[in-house]
Amino acid sequence: MKTIYNIKTKTVDFLYNNLKHFISLQTLEWRLENSITFGYGIYTFLIDGAEQPVTGSENILLDTKFYSVKKGKHTINTILVVSITKKKILYISPSFPGSINDNEITKKTKTNWFDFLNVMENGMGDSGFDGLSNEGIRISTPPNSKNYELYSLFSKYRVIVENRIADCKDWRICKDQLRLKITNSEEILIEHHKYWTIVAAFVNLNH
């Protein structure tokens, strides 16, 4: 069993190290070429969170840490940033335990991606990203559904990031409940991030 585990670990590390560069913010020029003008802003990215179920832990502190109140189960969460017209995955965050939501992940990781964007660039997210624009993170969330025309236009573009996440979840390694036991939270989060990065790279290569 240890030999199989070592082979698996080396294979995952090899794929991760050789594929992770396919997940890139690209250049400002590239993002602007693939942007849309929405209202008075230039939108270059879409953002959404993705969760994957994981088994609970016998350690009550870890068990609570990985429990998502929103989903009502134990999960590992990550966020994906996607370009609008090219529909490429530009960034995938480190993985976080289920008790940390999309809003918190965005704030915790902004220095890894958002701070590299130009001040003219804006993004679209669902209601889970409400309030971030007030903190200088330029992510617009859905307008009131009563404004049907604006809401419909917003939804038209938001579905792009949902489709990219669905493409990742076509791979069982990103969809099925992770069988890794939560005994060391750092190790399982690193492993999860590698899986998602590898799959996201393949998704990019196919689009």
N, C-alpha and C. Protein backbone atom coordinates (compact mmCIF):
# COMPACT_ATOMS: atom_id res chain seq x y z
N MET A 1 0.82 -1.20 0.00
CA MET A 1 0.00 0.00 0.00
C MET A 1 0.86 1.27 0.00
N LYS A 2 1.97 1.21 0.75
CA LYS A 2 2.83 2.39 0.81
C LYS A 2 3.44 2.68 -0.55
N THR A 3 3.79 1.61 -1.30
CA THR A 3 4.35 1.79 -2.65
C THR A 3 3.35 2.47 -3.57
N ILE A 4 2.09 2.01 -3.51
CA ILE A 4 1.03 2.60 -4.34
C ILE A 4 0.83 4.06 -3.97
N TYR A 5 0.84 4.35 -2.67
CA TYR A 5 0.67 5.73 -2.19
C TYR A 5 1.79 6.62 -2.71
N ASN A 6 3.03 6.11 -2.66
CA ASN A 6 4.18 6.89 -3.12
C ASN A 6 4.11 7.17 -4.63
N ILE A 7 3.66 6.16 -5.40
CA ILE A 7 3.52 6.34 -6.85
C ILE A 7 2.46 7.39 -7.14
N LYS A 8 1.35 7.30 -6.43
CA LYS A 8 0.26 8.27 -6.61
C LYS A 8 0.73 9.68 -6.28
N THR A 9 1.44 9.83 -5.17
CA THR A 9 1.92 11.15 -4.75
C THR A 9 2.88 11.74 -5.78
N LYS A 10 3.78 10.91 -6.29
CA LYS A 10 4.74 11.40 -7.28
C LYS A 10 4.05 11.77 -8.59
N THR A 11 3.03 11.00 -8.95
CA THR A 11 2.29 11.28 -10.19
C THR A 11 1.55 12.61 -10.07
N VAL A 12 0.87 12.81 -8.94
CA VAL A 12 0.13 14.06 -8.71
C VAL A 12 1.09 15.25 -8.72
N ASP A 13 2.22 15.11 -8.05
CA ASP A 13 3.21 16.20 -8.01
C ASP A 13 3.76 16.50 -9.40
N PHE A 14 4.01 15.46 -10.18
CA PHE A 14 4.53 15.65 -11.54
C PHE A 14 3.52 16.41 -12.39
N LEU A 15 2.26 15.98 -12.35
CA LEU A 15 1.23 16.65 -13.15
C LEU A 15 1.02 18.09 -12.69
N TYR A 16 0.99 18.29 -11.40
CA TYR A 16 0.78 19.63 -10.84
C TYR A 16 1.90 20.58 -11.29
N ASN A 17 3.13 20.16 -11.14
CA ASN A 17 4.27 21.02 -11.47
C ASN A 17 4.37 21.32 -12.96
N ASN A 18 3.86 20.41 -13.78
CA ASN A 18 3.97 20.60 -15.22
C ASN A 18 2.73 21.23 -15.86
N LEU A 19 1.66 21.32 -15.10
CA LEU A 19 0.42 21.86 -15.67
C LEU A 19 -0.03 23.18 -15.04
N LYS A 20 0.47 23.50 -13.86
CA LYS A 20 -0.05 24.68 -13.14
C LYS A 20 0.15 25.98 -13.91
N HIS A 21 1.13 26.05 -14.82
CA HIS A 21 1.34 27.30 -15.56
C HIS A 21 0.25 27.56 -16.59
N PHE A 22 -0.62 26.56 -16.83
CA PHE A 22 -1.75 26.79 -17.73
C PHE A 22 -2.88 27.56 -17.04
N ILE A 23 -2.74 27.79 -15.75
CA ILE A 23 -3.66 28.65 -15.01
C ILE A 23 -2.94 29.96 -14.79
N SER A 24 -3.36 30.99 -15.49
CA SER A 24 -2.63 32.26 -15.47
C SER A 24 -3.58 33.44 -15.64
N LEU A 25 -3.25 34.55 -15.00
CA LEU A 25 -4.04 35.77 -15.16
C LEU A 25 -3.87 36.39 -16.54
N GLN A 26 -2.91 35.90 -17.29
CA GLN A 26 -2.58 36.46 -18.60
C GLN A 26 -2.10 37.91 -18.43
N THR A 27 -2.07 38.68 -19.50
CA THR A 27 -1.63 40.07 -19.43
C THR A 27 -2.85 40.99 -19.37
N LEU A 28 -2.61 42.23 -18.99
CA LEU A 28 -3.69 43.22 -18.98
C LEU A 28 -4.29 43.35 -20.37
N GLU A 29 -3.42 43.40 -21.38
CA GLU A 29 -3.90 43.54 -22.76
C GLU A 29 -4.82 42.38 -23.14
N TRP A 30 -4.42 41.17 -22.75
CA TRP A 30 -5.22 39.98 -23.07
C TRP A 30 -6.57 40.07 -22.37
N ARG A 31 -6.57 40.46 -21.11
CA ARG A 31 -7.83 40.54 -20.36
C ARG A 31 -8.75 41.61 -20.94
N LEU A 32 -8.18 42.74 -21.34
CA LEU A 32 -9.00 43.81 -21.92
C LEU A 32 -9.57 43.41 -23.27
N GLU A 33 -8.79 42.67 -24.04
CA GLU A 33 -9.27 42.20 -25.35
C GLU A 33 -10.45 41.24 -25.19
N ASN A 34 -10.51 40.58 -24.03
CA ASN A 34 -11.56 39.60 -23.79
C ASN A 34 -12.53 40.06 -22.70
N SER A 35 -12.71 41.36 -22.64
CA SER A 35 -13.60 41.95 -21.63
C SER A 35 -14.93 42.34 -22.25
N ILE A 36 -15.84 42.77 -21.41
CA ILE A 36 -17.11 43.35 -21.88
C ILE A 36 -17.32 44.67 -21.13
N THR A 37 -18.08 45.55 -21.74
CA THR A 37 -18.48 46.78 -21.06
C THR A 37 -19.89 46.59 -20.57
N PHE A 38 -20.07 46.79 -19.28
CA PHE A 38 -21.36 46.52 -18.63
C PHE A 38 -21.68 47.75 -17.79
N GLY A 39 -22.74 48.47 -18.17
CA GLY A 39 -23.03 49.72 -17.47
C GLY A 39 -21.92 50.71 -17.74
N TYR A 40 -21.28 51.18 -16.68
CA TYR A 40 -20.19 52.14 -16.83
C TYR A 40 -18.82 51.50 -16.58
N GLY A 41 -18.78 50.18 -16.44
CA GLY A 41 -17.53 49.53 -16.10
C GLY A 41 -17.03 48.55 -17.15
N ILE A 42 -15.72 48.26 -17.07
CA ILE A 42 -15.10 47.24 -17.91
C ILE A 42 -14.96 45.99 -17.06
N TYR A 43 -15.53 44.90 -17.53
CA TYR A 43 -15.50 43.65 -16.78
C TYR A 43 -14.59 42.65 -17.47
N THR A 44 -13.58 42.20 -16.72
CA THR A 44 -12.60 41.28 -17.30
C THR A 44 -12.64 39.88 -16.68
N PHE A 45 -13.41 39.71 -15.61
CA PHE A 45 -13.42 38.39 -14.99
C PHE A 45 -14.75 38.07 -14.30
N LEU A 46 -14.96 36.79 -14.12
CA LEU A 46 -16.09 36.25 -13.37
C LEU A 46 -15.50 35.46 -12.21
N ILE A 47 -16.22 35.37 -11.12
CA ILE A 47 -15.70 34.65 -9.96
C ILE A 47 -16.81 33.84 -9.30
N ASP A 48 -16.46 32.66 -8.84
CA ASP A 48 -17.43 31.84 -8.12
C ASP A 48 -16.69 30.84 -7.25
N GLY A 49 -17.39 30.34 -6.27
CA GLY A 49 -16.80 29.35 -5.39
C GLY A 49 -17.21 27.94 -5.78
N ALA A 50 -16.37 26.98 -5.45
CA ALA A 50 -16.65 25.57 -5.71
C ALA A 50 -16.37 24.80 -4.42
N GLU A 51 -17.26 23.90 -4.10
CA GLU A 51 -17.07 23.10 -2.91
C GLU A 51 -17.06 21.62 -3.27
N GLN A 52 -16.36 20.85 -2.47
CA GLN A 52 -16.30 19.41 -2.68
C GLN A 52 -16.48 18.72 -1.33
N PRO A 53 -17.38 17.73 -1.26
CA PRO A 53 -17.60 17.06 0.01
C PRO A 53 -16.39 16.25 0.47
N VAL A 54 -16.24 16.18 1.76
CA VAL A 54 -15.13 15.43 2.35
C VAL A 54 -15.66 14.76 3.62
N THR A 55 -15.06 13.66 4.00
CA THR A 55 -15.51 12.97 5.22
C THR A 55 -15.18 13.80 6.45
N GLY A 56 -15.98 13.62 7.48
CA GLY A 56 -15.73 14.34 8.72
C GLY A 56 -14.50 13.80 9.44
N SER A 57 -14.20 14.42 10.57
CA SER A 57 -13.01 14.02 11.33
C SER A 57 -13.40 13.62 12.75
N GLU A 58 -12.65 12.70 13.30
CA GLU A 58 -12.88 12.32 14.69
C GLU A 58 -12.40 13.40 15.64
N ASN A 59 -11.55 14.29 15.12
CA ASN A 59 -11.09 15.43 15.91
C ASN A 59 -12.17 16.50 15.83
N ILE A 60 -12.79 16.82 16.96
CA ILE A 60 -13.94 17.72 16.95
C ILE A 60 -13.59 19.11 16.42
N LEU A 61 -12.38 19.57 16.67
CA LEU A 61 -11.97 20.89 16.19
C LEU A 61 -11.86 20.90 14.67
N LEU A 62 -11.24 19.85 14.10
CA LEU A 62 -11.13 19.75 12.65
C LEU A 62 -12.50 19.50 12.02
N ASP A 63 -13.32 18.71 12.71
CA ASP A 63 -14.65 18.40 12.19
C ASP A 63 -15.46 19.69 12.03
N THR A 64 -15.40 20.55 13.03
CA THR A 64 -16.11 21.83 12.98
C THR A 64 -15.53 22.74 11.91
N LYS A 65 -14.22 22.72 11.80
CA LYS A 65 -13.52 23.57 10.83
C LYS A 65 -13.94 23.26 9.40
N PHE A 66 -14.18 22.00 9.11
CA PHE A 66 -14.51 21.60 7.74
C PHE A 66 -16.01 21.54 7.48
N TYR A 67 -16.81 21.89 8.46
CA TYR A 67 -18.26 21.83 8.28
C TYR A 67 -18.78 23.12 7.68
N SER A 68 -19.49 23.00 6.55
CA SER A 68 -20.09 24.16 5.88
C SER A 68 -21.54 24.29 6.31
N VAL A 69 -21.85 25.37 7.01
CA VAL A 69 -23.23 25.62 7.44
C VAL A 69 -24.11 25.81 6.21
N LYS A 70 -23.58 26.49 5.20
CA LYS A 70 -24.33 26.76 3.98
C LYS A 70 -24.75 25.47 3.28
N LYS A 71 -23.83 24.51 3.20
CA LYS A 71 -24.11 23.25 2.49
C LYS A 71 -24.64 22.16 3.41
N GLY A 72 -24.48 22.36 4.70
CA GLY A 72 -24.96 21.36 5.64
C GLY A 72 -24.16 20.08 5.63
N LYS A 73 -22.88 20.17 5.26
CA LYS A 73 -22.02 19.00 5.23
C LYS A 73 -20.56 19.45 5.29
N HIS A 74 -19.66 18.48 5.41
CA HIS A 74 -18.23 18.80 5.45
C HIS A 74 -17.73 18.99 4.02
N THR A 75 -17.04 20.09 3.80
CA THR A 75 -16.55 20.39 2.46
C THR A 75 -15.16 21.02 2.50
N ILE A 76 -14.57 21.07 1.32
CA ILE A 76 -13.38 21.87 1.08
C ILE A 76 -13.77 22.87 0.01
N ASN A 77 -13.44 24.14 0.22
CA ASN A 77 -13.88 25.20 -0.67
C ASN A 77 -12.71 25.87 -1.39
N THR A 78 -13.00 26.34 -2.59
CA THR A 78 -12.01 27.10 -3.36
C THR A 78 -12.76 28.10 -4.23
N ILE A 79 -12.09 29.10 -4.75
CA ILE A 79 -12.72 30.02 -5.70
C ILE A 79 -11.98 29.96 -7.03
N LEU A 80 -12.75 30.14 -8.10
CA LEU A 80 -12.18 30.18 -9.45
C LEU A 80 -12.48 31.54 -10.08
N VAL A 81 -11.49 32.09 -10.75
CA VAL A 81 -11.64 33.33 -11.50
C VAL A 81 -11.54 32.97 -12.98
N VAL A 82 -12.52 33.39 -13.77
CA VAL A 82 -12.62 32.98 -15.18
C VAL A 82 -12.76 34.21 -16.08
N SER A 83 -12.12 34.16 -17.24
CA SER A 83 -12.27 35.25 -18.21
C SER A 83 -13.64 35.15 -18.86
N ILE A 84 -14.10 36.26 -19.40
CA ILE A 84 -15.48 36.31 -19.88
C ILE A 84 -15.65 35.77 -21.29
N THR A 85 -14.96 36.31 -22.27
CA THR A 85 -15.21 35.86 -23.64
C THR A 85 -14.41 34.62 -24.01
N LYS A 86 -13.20 34.48 -23.50
CA LYS A 86 -12.40 33.29 -23.79
C LYS A 86 -12.75 32.12 -22.87
N LYS A 87 -13.38 32.43 -21.75
CA LYS A 87 -13.86 31.42 -20.80
C LYS A 87 -12.72 30.56 -20.23
N LYS A 88 -11.55 31.17 -20.08
CA LYS A 88 -10.40 30.48 -19.50
C LYS A 88 -10.38 30.66 -17.99
N ILE A 89 -9.91 29.64 -17.28
CA ILE A 89 -9.71 29.76 -15.84
C ILE A 89 -8.41 30.53 -15.62
N LEU A 90 -8.52 31.71 -15.00
CA LEU A 90 -7.37 32.59 -14.81
C LEU A 90 -6.67 32.35 -13.48
N TYR A 91 -7.44 31.92 -12.50
CA TYR A 91 -6.87 31.75 -11.15
C TYR A 91 -7.72 30.75 -10.39
N ILE A 92 -7.06 29.91 -9.62
CA ILE A 92 -7.74 29.02 -8.69
C ILE A 92 -7.06 29.19 -7.33
N SER A 93 -7.85 29.47 -6.33
CA SER A 93 -7.28 29.80 -5.02
C SER A 93 -6.76 28.56 -4.31
N PRO A 94 -5.96 28.78 -3.27
CA PRO A 94 -5.65 27.66 -2.38
C PRO A 94 -6.97 27.13 -1.82
N SER A 95 -6.96 25.92 -1.33
CA SER A 95 -8.16 25.30 -0.79
C SER A 95 -8.34 25.67 0.69
N PHE A 96 -9.60 25.81 1.08
CA PHE A 96 -9.92 26.19 2.46
C PHE A 96 -10.96 25.24 3.02
N PRO A 97 -10.96 25.05 4.35
CA PRO A 97 -11.99 24.20 4.96
C PRO A 97 -13.37 24.82 4.81
N GLY A 98 -14.41 23.97 4.84
CA GLY A 98 -15.77 24.38 4.53
C GLY A 98 -16.35 25.51 5.35
N SER A 99 -15.82 25.76 6.55
CA SER A 99 -16.36 26.84 7.37
C SER A 99 -15.98 28.22 6.84
N ILE A 100 -15.07 28.28 5.86
CA ILE A 100 -14.64 29.56 5.29
C ILE A 100 -15.35 29.75 3.95
N ASN A 101 -16.15 30.82 3.85
CA ASN A 101 -16.99 31.00 2.66
C ASN A 101 -16.27 31.76 1.55
N ASP A 102 -16.96 31.92 0.42
CA ASP A 102 -16.37 32.55 -0.77
C ASP A 102 -15.89 33.97 -0.49
N ASN A 103 -16.69 34.72 0.25
CA ASN A 103 -16.35 36.10 0.58
C ASN A 103 -15.03 36.16 1.34
N GLU A 104 -14.89 35.30 2.34
CA GLU A 104 -13.68 35.27 3.16
C GLU A 104 -12.47 34.81 2.34
N ILE A 105 -12.67 33.80 1.50
CA ILE A 105 -11.56 33.30 0.67
C ILE A 105 -11.05 34.41 -0.25
N THR A 106 -11.99 35.16 -0.83
CA THR A 106 -11.59 36.26 -1.72
C THR A 106 -10.71 37.27 -0.99
N LYS A 107 -11.11 37.63 0.21
CA LYS A 107 -10.33 38.60 0.99
C LYS A 107 -8.97 38.03 1.40
N LYS A 108 -8.94 36.73 1.73
CA LYS A 108 -7.70 36.11 2.15
C LYS A 108 -6.70 35.93 1.00
N THR A 109 -7.21 35.85 -0.24
CA THR A 109 -6.33 35.56 -1.38
C THR A 109 -6.13 36.74 -2.32
N LYS A 110 -6.72 37.89 -2.03
CA LYS A 110 -6.69 39.01 -2.97
C LYS A 110 -5.28 39.43 -3.38
N THR A 111 -4.33 39.28 -2.48
CA THR A 111 -2.95 39.66 -2.82
C THR A 111 -2.32 38.70 -3.83
N ASN A 112 -2.91 37.52 -4.00
CA ASN A 112 -2.39 36.54 -4.96
C ASN A 112 -2.88 36.78 -6.38
N TRP A 113 -3.98 37.52 -6.52
CA TRP A 113 -4.52 37.72 -7.87
C TRP A 113 -5.16 39.09 -8.07
N PHE A 114 -6.07 39.50 -7.18
CA PHE A 114 -6.80 40.75 -7.41
C PHE A 114 -5.87 41.96 -7.44
N ASP A 115 -4.89 41.97 -6.57
CA ASP A 115 -3.98 43.12 -6.50
C ASP A 115 -3.11 43.26 -7.74
N PHE A 116 -3.10 42.24 -8.61
CA PHE A 116 -2.34 42.31 -9.85
C PHE A 116 -3.18 42.91 -10.99
N LEU A 117 -4.47 43.13 -10.75
CA LEU A 117 -5.34 43.67 -11.77
C LEU A 117 -5.24 45.19 -11.83
N ASN A 118 -5.61 45.75 -12.97
CA ASN A 118 -5.62 47.19 -13.15
C ASN A 118 -6.87 47.77 -12.48
N VAL A 119 -6.78 49.03 -12.06
CA VAL A 119 -7.91 49.66 -11.35
C VAL A 119 -9.16 49.78 -12.23
N MET A 120 -9.01 49.66 -13.54
CA MET A 120 -10.18 49.76 -14.43
C MET A 120 -10.93 48.44 -14.54
N GLU A 121 -10.34 47.37 -14.02
CA GLU A 121 -10.94 46.04 -14.18
C GLU A 121 -11.95 45.72 -13.08
N ASN A 122 -13.06 45.14 -13.50
CA ASN A 122 -14.12 44.74 -12.58
C ASN A 122 -14.49 43.28 -12.83
N GLY A 123 -15.16 42.69 -11.84
CA GLY A 123 -15.61 41.31 -11.98
C GLY A 123 -17.06 41.16 -11.60
N MET A 124 -17.62 40.00 -11.90
CA MET A 124 -19.00 39.67 -11.53
C MET A 124 -19.00 38.43 -10.66
N GLY A 125 -19.81 38.45 -9.62
CA GLY A 125 -19.94 37.30 -8.75
C GLY A 125 -21.37 37.16 -8.29
N ASP A 126 -21.70 36.07 -7.62
CA ASP A 126 -23.06 35.91 -7.11
C ASP A 126 -23.18 36.62 -5.76
N SER A 127 -24.31 36.44 -5.10
CA SER A 127 -24.57 37.18 -3.85
C SER A 127 -23.60 36.80 -2.73
N GLY A 128 -22.89 35.69 -2.89
CA GLY A 128 -21.90 35.30 -1.89
C GLY A 128 -20.74 36.26 -1.81
N PHE A 129 -20.63 37.15 -2.80
CA PHE A 129 -19.54 38.13 -2.82
C PHE A 129 -20.03 39.53 -2.48
N ASP A 130 -21.24 39.62 -1.94
CA ASP A 130 -21.79 40.92 -1.55
C ASP A 130 -20.88 41.62 -0.55
N GLY A 131 -20.76 42.93 -0.73
CA GLY A 131 -20.02 43.76 0.22
C GLY A 131 -18.55 43.93 -0.09
N LEU A 132 -18.01 43.12 -0.99
CA LEU A 132 -16.58 43.22 -1.28
C LEU A 132 -16.23 44.52 -1.98
N SER A 133 -17.15 45.03 -2.80
CA SER A 133 -16.87 46.29 -3.50
C SER A 133 -16.68 47.43 -2.51
N ASN A 134 -17.32 47.34 -1.37
CA ASN A 134 -17.16 48.36 -0.34
C ASN A 134 -15.78 48.32 0.31
N GLU A 135 -15.08 47.20 0.11
CA GLU A 135 -13.74 47.04 0.66
C GLU A 135 -12.67 47.19 -0.42
N GLY A 136 -13.07 47.72 -1.57
CA GLY A 136 -12.12 47.98 -2.65
C GLY A 136 -11.88 46.81 -3.57
N ILE A 137 -12.61 45.71 -3.38
CA ILE A 137 -12.49 44.55 -4.27
C ILE A 137 -13.63 44.65 -5.27
N ARG A 138 -13.31 45.00 -6.48
CA ARG A 138 -14.31 45.41 -7.47
C ARG A 138 -15.06 44.21 -8.07
N ILE A 139 -15.99 43.67 -7.29
CA ILE A 139 -16.82 42.56 -7.75
C ILE A 139 -18.28 42.98 -7.61
N SER A 140 -18.96 43.04 -8.74
CA SER A 140 -20.39 43.38 -8.74
C SER A 140 -21.20 42.11 -8.53
N THR A 141 -22.29 42.23 -7.80
CA THR A 141 -23.18 41.11 -7.56
C THR A 141 -24.53 41.38 -8.23
N PRO A 142 -25.39 40.37 -8.38
CA PRO A 142 -26.62 40.52 -9.16
C PRO A 142 -27.49 41.69 -8.72
N PRO A 143 -28.01 42.43 -9.68
CA PRO A 143 -28.95 43.51 -9.36
C PRO A 143 -30.28 42.91 -8.91
N ASN A 144 -31.16 43.75 -8.45
CA ASN A 144 -32.49 43.31 -8.03
C ASN A 144 -33.20 42.59 -9.17
N SER A 145 -33.77 41.43 -8.87
CA SER A 145 -34.42 40.62 -9.91
C SER A 145 -35.62 41.32 -10.53
N LYS A 146 -36.12 42.36 -9.87
CA LYS A 146 -37.25 43.12 -10.43
C LYS A 146 -36.83 43.89 -11.68
N ASN A 147 -35.51 44.21 -11.73
CA ASN A 147 -34.98 44.85 -12.94
C ASN A 147 -34.62 43.72 -13.90
N TYR A 148 -35.63 43.15 -14.54
CA TYR A 148 -35.47 41.90 -15.28
C TYR A 148 -34.41 41.99 -16.38
N GLU A 149 -34.42 43.07 -17.14
CA GLU A 149 -33.49 43.18 -18.27
C GLU A 149 -32.04 43.17 -17.81
N LEU A 150 -31.75 43.96 -16.77
CA LEU A 150 -30.39 44.02 -16.24
C LEU A 150 -30.01 42.71 -15.56
N TYR A 151 -30.96 42.13 -14.82
CA TYR A 151 -30.71 40.87 -14.13
C TYR A 151 -30.44 39.75 -15.13
N SER A 152 -31.19 39.72 -16.21
CA SER A 152 -31.04 38.70 -17.25
C SER A 152 -29.68 38.81 -17.93
N LEU A 153 -29.25 40.04 -18.21
CA LEU A 153 -27.96 40.26 -18.85
C LEU A 153 -26.82 39.83 -17.93
N PHE A 154 -26.96 40.14 -16.66
CA PHE A 154 -25.95 39.76 -15.67
C PHE A 154 -25.85 38.24 -15.59
N SER A 155 -27.00 37.58 -15.53
CA SER A 155 -27.04 36.12 -15.43
C SER A 155 -26.43 35.44 -16.65
N LYS A 156 -26.60 36.05 -17.80
CA LYS A 156 -26.07 35.51 -19.05
C LYS A 156 -24.55 35.31 -18.96
N TYR A 157 -23.86 36.25 -18.35
CA TYR A 157 -22.42 36.15 -18.23
C TYR A 157 -21.99 35.33 -17.01
N ARG A 158 -22.79 35.41 -15.93
CA ARG A 158 -22.44 34.67 -14.73
C ARG A 158 -22.41 33.16 -14.96
N VAL A 159 -23.24 32.68 -15.89
CA VAL A 159 -23.34 31.24 -16.11
C VAL A 159 -22.03 30.68 -16.67
N ILE A 160 -21.19 31.54 -17.25
CA ILE A 160 -19.92 31.09 -17.83
C ILE A 160 -19.03 30.46 -16.77
N VAL A 161 -18.89 31.13 -15.63
CA VAL A 161 -18.03 30.59 -14.58
C VAL A 161 -18.64 29.33 -13.98
N GLU A 162 -19.98 29.29 -13.91
CA GLU A 162 -20.64 28.09 -13.40
C GLU A 162 -20.37 26.89 -14.32
N ASN A 163 -20.33 27.16 -15.63
CA ASN A 163 -20.05 26.09 -16.58
C ASN A 163 -18.62 25.58 -16.46
N ARG A 164 -17.67 26.49 -16.20
CA ARG A 164 -16.28 26.05 -16.06
C ARG A 164 -16.13 25.19 -14.80
N ILE A 165 -16.81 25.55 -13.74
CA ILE A 165 -16.77 24.73 -12.53
C ILE A 165 -17.40 23.37 -12.80
N ALA A 166 -18.50 23.37 -13.56
CA ALA A 166 -19.14 22.11 -13.92
C ALA A 166 -18.20 21.24 -14.76
N ASP A 167 -17.40 21.89 -15.63
CA ASP A 167 -16.43 21.14 -16.42
C ASP A 167 -15.40 20.46 -15.51
N CYS A 168 -14.98 21.18 -14.47
CA CYS A 168 -14.03 20.58 -13.52
C CYS A 168 -14.68 19.40 -12.80
N LYS A 169 -15.96 19.55 -12.48
CA LYS A 169 -16.65 18.50 -11.73
C LYS A 169 -17.06 17.32 -12.61
N ASP A 170 -16.82 17.44 -13.91
CA ASP A 170 -16.99 16.26 -14.77
C ASP A 170 -15.95 15.20 -14.42
N TRP A 171 -14.87 15.66 -13.77
CA TRP A 171 -13.81 14.76 -13.31
C TRP A 171 -14.18 14.31 -11.89
N ARG A 172 -14.22 13.02 -11.67
CA ARG A 172 -14.65 12.49 -10.37
C ARG A 172 -13.76 12.96 -9.23
N ILE A 173 -12.49 13.22 -9.52
CA ILE A 173 -11.57 13.66 -8.47
C ILE A 173 -11.98 15.01 -7.89
N CYS A 174 -12.79 15.78 -8.66
CA CYS A 174 -13.27 17.08 -8.18
C CYS A 174 -14.73 17.05 -7.77
N LYS A 175 -15.39 15.94 -8.02
CA LYS A 175 -16.83 15.85 -7.75
C LYS A 175 -17.15 14.96 -6.56
N ASP A 176 -16.56 13.76 -6.55
CA ASP A 176 -16.90 12.80 -5.50
C ASP A 176 -16.36 13.23 -4.14
N GLN A 177 -16.94 12.67 -3.12
CA GLN A 177 -16.45 12.95 -1.77
C GLN A 177 -15.01 12.47 -1.64
N LEU A 178 -14.14 13.36 -1.17
CA LEU A 178 -12.74 12.98 -0.99
C LEU A 178 -12.64 11.93 0.12
N ARG A 179 -11.90 10.90 -0.17
CA ARG A 179 -11.76 9.82 0.80
C ARG A 179 -10.58 10.05 1.74
N LEU A 180 -9.86 11.14 1.52
CA LEU A 180 -8.74 11.44 2.40
C LEU A 180 -9.26 11.77 3.80
N LYS A 181 -8.68 11.18 4.80
CA LYS A 181 -9.11 11.44 6.18
C LYS A 181 -8.56 12.77 6.66
N ILE A 182 -9.41 13.51 7.37
CA ILE A 182 -8.97 14.80 7.90
C ILE A 182 -8.24 14.57 9.21
N THR A 183 -6.96 14.32 9.11
CA THR A 183 -6.12 14.19 10.30
C THR A 183 -5.13 15.33 10.36
N ASN A 184 -4.77 15.84 9.19
CA ASN A 184 -3.89 16.99 9.08
C ASN A 184 -4.51 17.94 8.06
N SER A 185 -5.10 19.04 8.53
CA SER A 185 -5.86 19.91 7.64
C SER A 185 -4.98 20.52 6.55
N GLU A 186 -3.74 20.83 6.86
CA GLU A 186 -2.85 21.44 5.86
C GLU A 186 -2.58 20.47 4.72
N GLU A 187 -2.32 19.22 5.03
CA GLU A 187 -2.00 18.23 4.00
C GLU A 187 -3.18 17.99 3.06
N ILE A 188 -4.39 17.86 3.61
CA ILE A 188 -5.54 17.57 2.76
C ILE A 188 -5.90 18.77 1.89
N LEU A 189 -5.68 19.98 2.41
CA LEU A 189 -5.98 21.19 1.63
C LEU A 189 -4.97 21.35 0.48
N ILE A 190 -3.73 21.03 0.73
CA ILE A 190 -2.71 21.09 -0.33
C ILE A 190 -3.02 20.05 -1.41
N GLU A 191 -3.38 18.85 -0.98
CA GLU A 191 -3.71 17.78 -1.92
C GLU A 191 -4.92 18.16 -2.78
N HIS A 192 -5.93 18.70 -2.15
CA HIS A 192 -7.14 19.13 -2.87
C HIS A 192 -6.81 20.20 -3.90
N HIS A 193 -5.98 21.17 -3.52
CA HIS A 193 -5.60 22.24 -4.44
C HIS A 193 -4.86 21.68 -5.65
N LYS A 194 -4.02 20.70 -5.44
CA LYS A 194 -3.28 20.09 -6.56
C LYS A 194 -4.26 19.41 -7.52
N TYR A 195 -5.22 18.66 -6.98
CA TYR A 195 -6.21 17.98 -7.83
C TYR A 195 -6.95 19.00 -8.70
N TRP A 196 -7.44 20.06 -8.08
CA TRP A 196 -8.23 21.05 -8.80
C TRP A 196 -7.39 21.82 -9.82
N THR A 197 -6.15 22.08 -9.49
CA THR A 197 -5.28 22.80 -10.43
C THR A 197 -5.00 21.94 -11.66
N ILE A 198 -4.73 20.66 -11.45
CA ILE A 198 -4.48 19.74 -12.56
C ILE A 198 -5.70 19.67 -13.49
N VAL A 199 -6.87 19.48 -12.89
CA VAL A 199 -8.09 19.39 -13.69
C VAL A 199 -8.39 20.71 -14.39
N ALA A 200 -8.23 21.83 -13.69
CA ALA A 200 -8.48 23.14 -14.29
C ALA A 200 -7.56 23.38 -15.49
N ALA A 201 -6.33 22.92 -15.39
CA ALA A 201 -5.40 23.06 -16.51
C ALA A 201 -5.88 22.27 -17.72
N PHE A 202 -6.36 21.06 -17.50
CA PHE A 202 -6.90 20.25 -18.61
C PHE A 202 -8.15 20.92 -19.20
N VAL A 203 -8.98 21.50 -18.35
CA VAL A 203 -10.17 22.21 -18.83
C VAL A 203 -9.75 23.38 -19.72
N ASN A 204 -8.74 24.12 -19.29
CA ASN A 204 -8.23 25.24 -20.11
C ASN A 204 -7.70 24.75 -21.45
N LEU A 205 -7.00 23.64 -21.43
CA LEU A 205 -6.41 23.11 -22.66
C LEU A 205 -7.48 22.64 -23.65
N ASN A 206 -8.66 22.33 -23.13
CA ASN A 206 -9.74 21.84 -23.98
C ASN A 206 -10.69 22.94 -24.43
N HIS A 207 -10.42 24.21 -24.02
CA HIS A 207 -11.31 25.29 -24.41
C HIS A 207 -10.49 26.44 -25.02
